Amino acid sequence: RFVPKRMVPFSFPLSKCALWDPVPMGDVIGAHITYYRNPRLSLVEKTLRLAYRHAKQNEKKSFSCFLLGSLAVDEDGEGVTLTIDRFDPGREV
């Protein structure tokens, strides 16, 4: 199976008590969302306008913010939809 070079394996933090055997079993598989599903992005216009206004008012060329939303599997099970409906400018500190 194809695994892009930029993808890295994920790992869990160390703990005092293991809930499963950490020895790898089986073949490596890709865990990228587009590998098995057809993604679709839905962005609320009000959220985009708030982010744009915040970017124009910000004096720095680069700033941090959050776009929040929800992820849902389509009824036919073939795709996923990411709906972004909230904007959070975050904090400078």
Protein backbone atom coordinates (compact mmCIF):
# COMPACT_ATOMS: atom_id res chain seq x y z
CA ARG A 1 0.00 0.00 0.00
CA PHE A 2 1.11 3.55 -0.76
CA VAL A 3 2.19 5.63 2.22
CA PRO A 4 3.43 9.17 1.40
CA LYS A 5 6.87 10.14 2.72
CA ARG A 6 5.51 13.07 4.72
CA MET A 7 3.31 10.83 6.85
CA VAL A 8 4.86 9.59 10.09
CA PRO A 9 3.72 6.74 12.33
CA PHE A 10 1.84 7.84 15.42
CA SER A 11 2.65 6.65 18.93
CA PHE A 12 0.98 6.80 22.30
CA PRO A 13 2.53 8.40 25.39
CA LEU A 14 4.29 6.18 27.90
CA SER A 15 2.20 4.97 30.82
CA LYS A 16 2.69 2.83 33.90
CA CYS A 17 0.04 0.33 32.85
CA ALA A 18 -0.29 -1.03 29.29
CA LEU A 19 -3.80 -1.78 28.08
CA TRP A 20 -2.60 -3.82 25.08
CA ASP A 21 0.44 -5.63 23.76
CA PRO A 22 2.64 -2.94 22.10
CA VAL A 23 4.33 -5.38 19.69
CA PRO A 24 3.37 -4.52 16.05
CA MET A 25 1.28 -7.17 14.28
CA GLY A 26 0.42 -7.42 10.59
CA ASP A 27 1.22 -5.21 7.63
CA VAL A 28 1.54 -1.43 7.72
CA ILE A 29 -1.60 0.35 6.51
CA GLY A 30 -2.26 3.98 5.64
CA ALA A 31 -4.46 5.87 8.09
CA HIS A 32 -5.04 8.94 5.91
CA ILE A 33 -8.66 10.08 5.66
CA THR A 34 -8.62 10.19 1.84
CA TYR A 35 -7.38 6.61 1.60
CA TYR A 36 -10.83 5.09 2.19
CA ARG A 37 -13.25 8.03 2.01
CA ASN A 38 -14.13 10.91 -0.31
CA PRO A 39 -13.68 14.10 1.76
CA ARG A 40 -15.84 17.19 1.37
CA LEU A 41 -15.35 20.57 3.06
CA SER A 42 -18.25 22.83 4.00
CA LEU A 43 -17.42 26.31 5.30
CA VAL A 44 -20.03 28.71 6.68
CA GLU A 45 -19.75 32.12 4.97
CA LYS A 46 -20.02 34.04 8.26
CA THR A 47 -17.03 32.12 9.65
CA LEU A 48 -14.94 32.88 6.58
CA ARG A 49 -15.85 36.58 6.76
CA LEU A 50 -14.88 36.76 10.47
CA ALA A 51 -11.51 35.13 9.77
CA TYR A 52 -10.89 37.46 6.82
CA ARG A 53 -11.77 40.56 8.87
CA HIS A 54 -9.50 39.40 11.70
CA ALA A 55 -6.62 38.82 9.26
CA LYS A 56 -7.03 42.29 7.73
CA GLN A 57 -7.07 43.97 11.15
CA ASN A 58 -4.04 42.06 12.42
CA GLU A 59 -0.80 44.03 12.11
CA LYS A 60 1.42 40.95 11.89
CA LYS A 61 1.88 39.07 8.64
CA SER A 62 1.51 35.76 10.47
CA PHE A 63 -0.97 35.02 13.26
CA SER A 64 -2.62 32.02 14.91
CA CYS A 65 -6.32 31.25 15.03
CA PHE A 66 -8.70 28.29 15.22
CA LEU A 67 -11.38 27.13 12.81
CA LEU A 68 -13.75 24.78 14.63
CA GLY A 69 -16.31 22.40 13.25
CA SER A 70 -17.50 18.83 13.05
CA LEU A 71 -16.70 15.72 11.04
CA ALA A 72 -19.49 13.42 9.86
CA VAL A 73 -19.67 10.28 7.72
CA ASP A 74 -22.12 10.62 4.83
CA GLU A 75 -25.30 8.52 4.86
CA ASP A 76 -24.05 6.30 2.04
CA GLY A 77 -20.85 5.60 4.00
CA GLU A 78 -18.67 6.56 1.04
CA GLY A 79 -17.58 10.03 2.12
CA VAL A 80 -16.89 12.30 5.05
CA THR A 81 -17.91 15.93 5.43
CA LEU A 82 -15.92 18.45 7.47
CA THR A 83 -18.21 21.35 8.38
CA ILE A 84 -16.37 24.43 9.68
CA ASP A 85 -18.82 26.74 11.42
CA ARG A 86 -16.89 28.63 14.13
CA PHE A 87 -13.91 30.98 14.22
CA ASP A 88 -11.76 31.57 17.32
CA PRO A 89 -8.97 34.16 17.05
CA GLY A 90 -7.18 32.57 20.02
CA ARG A 91 -4.90 34.40 22.42
CA GLU A 92 -1.58 36.09 21.94
CA VAL A 93 -0.14 34.66 25.17
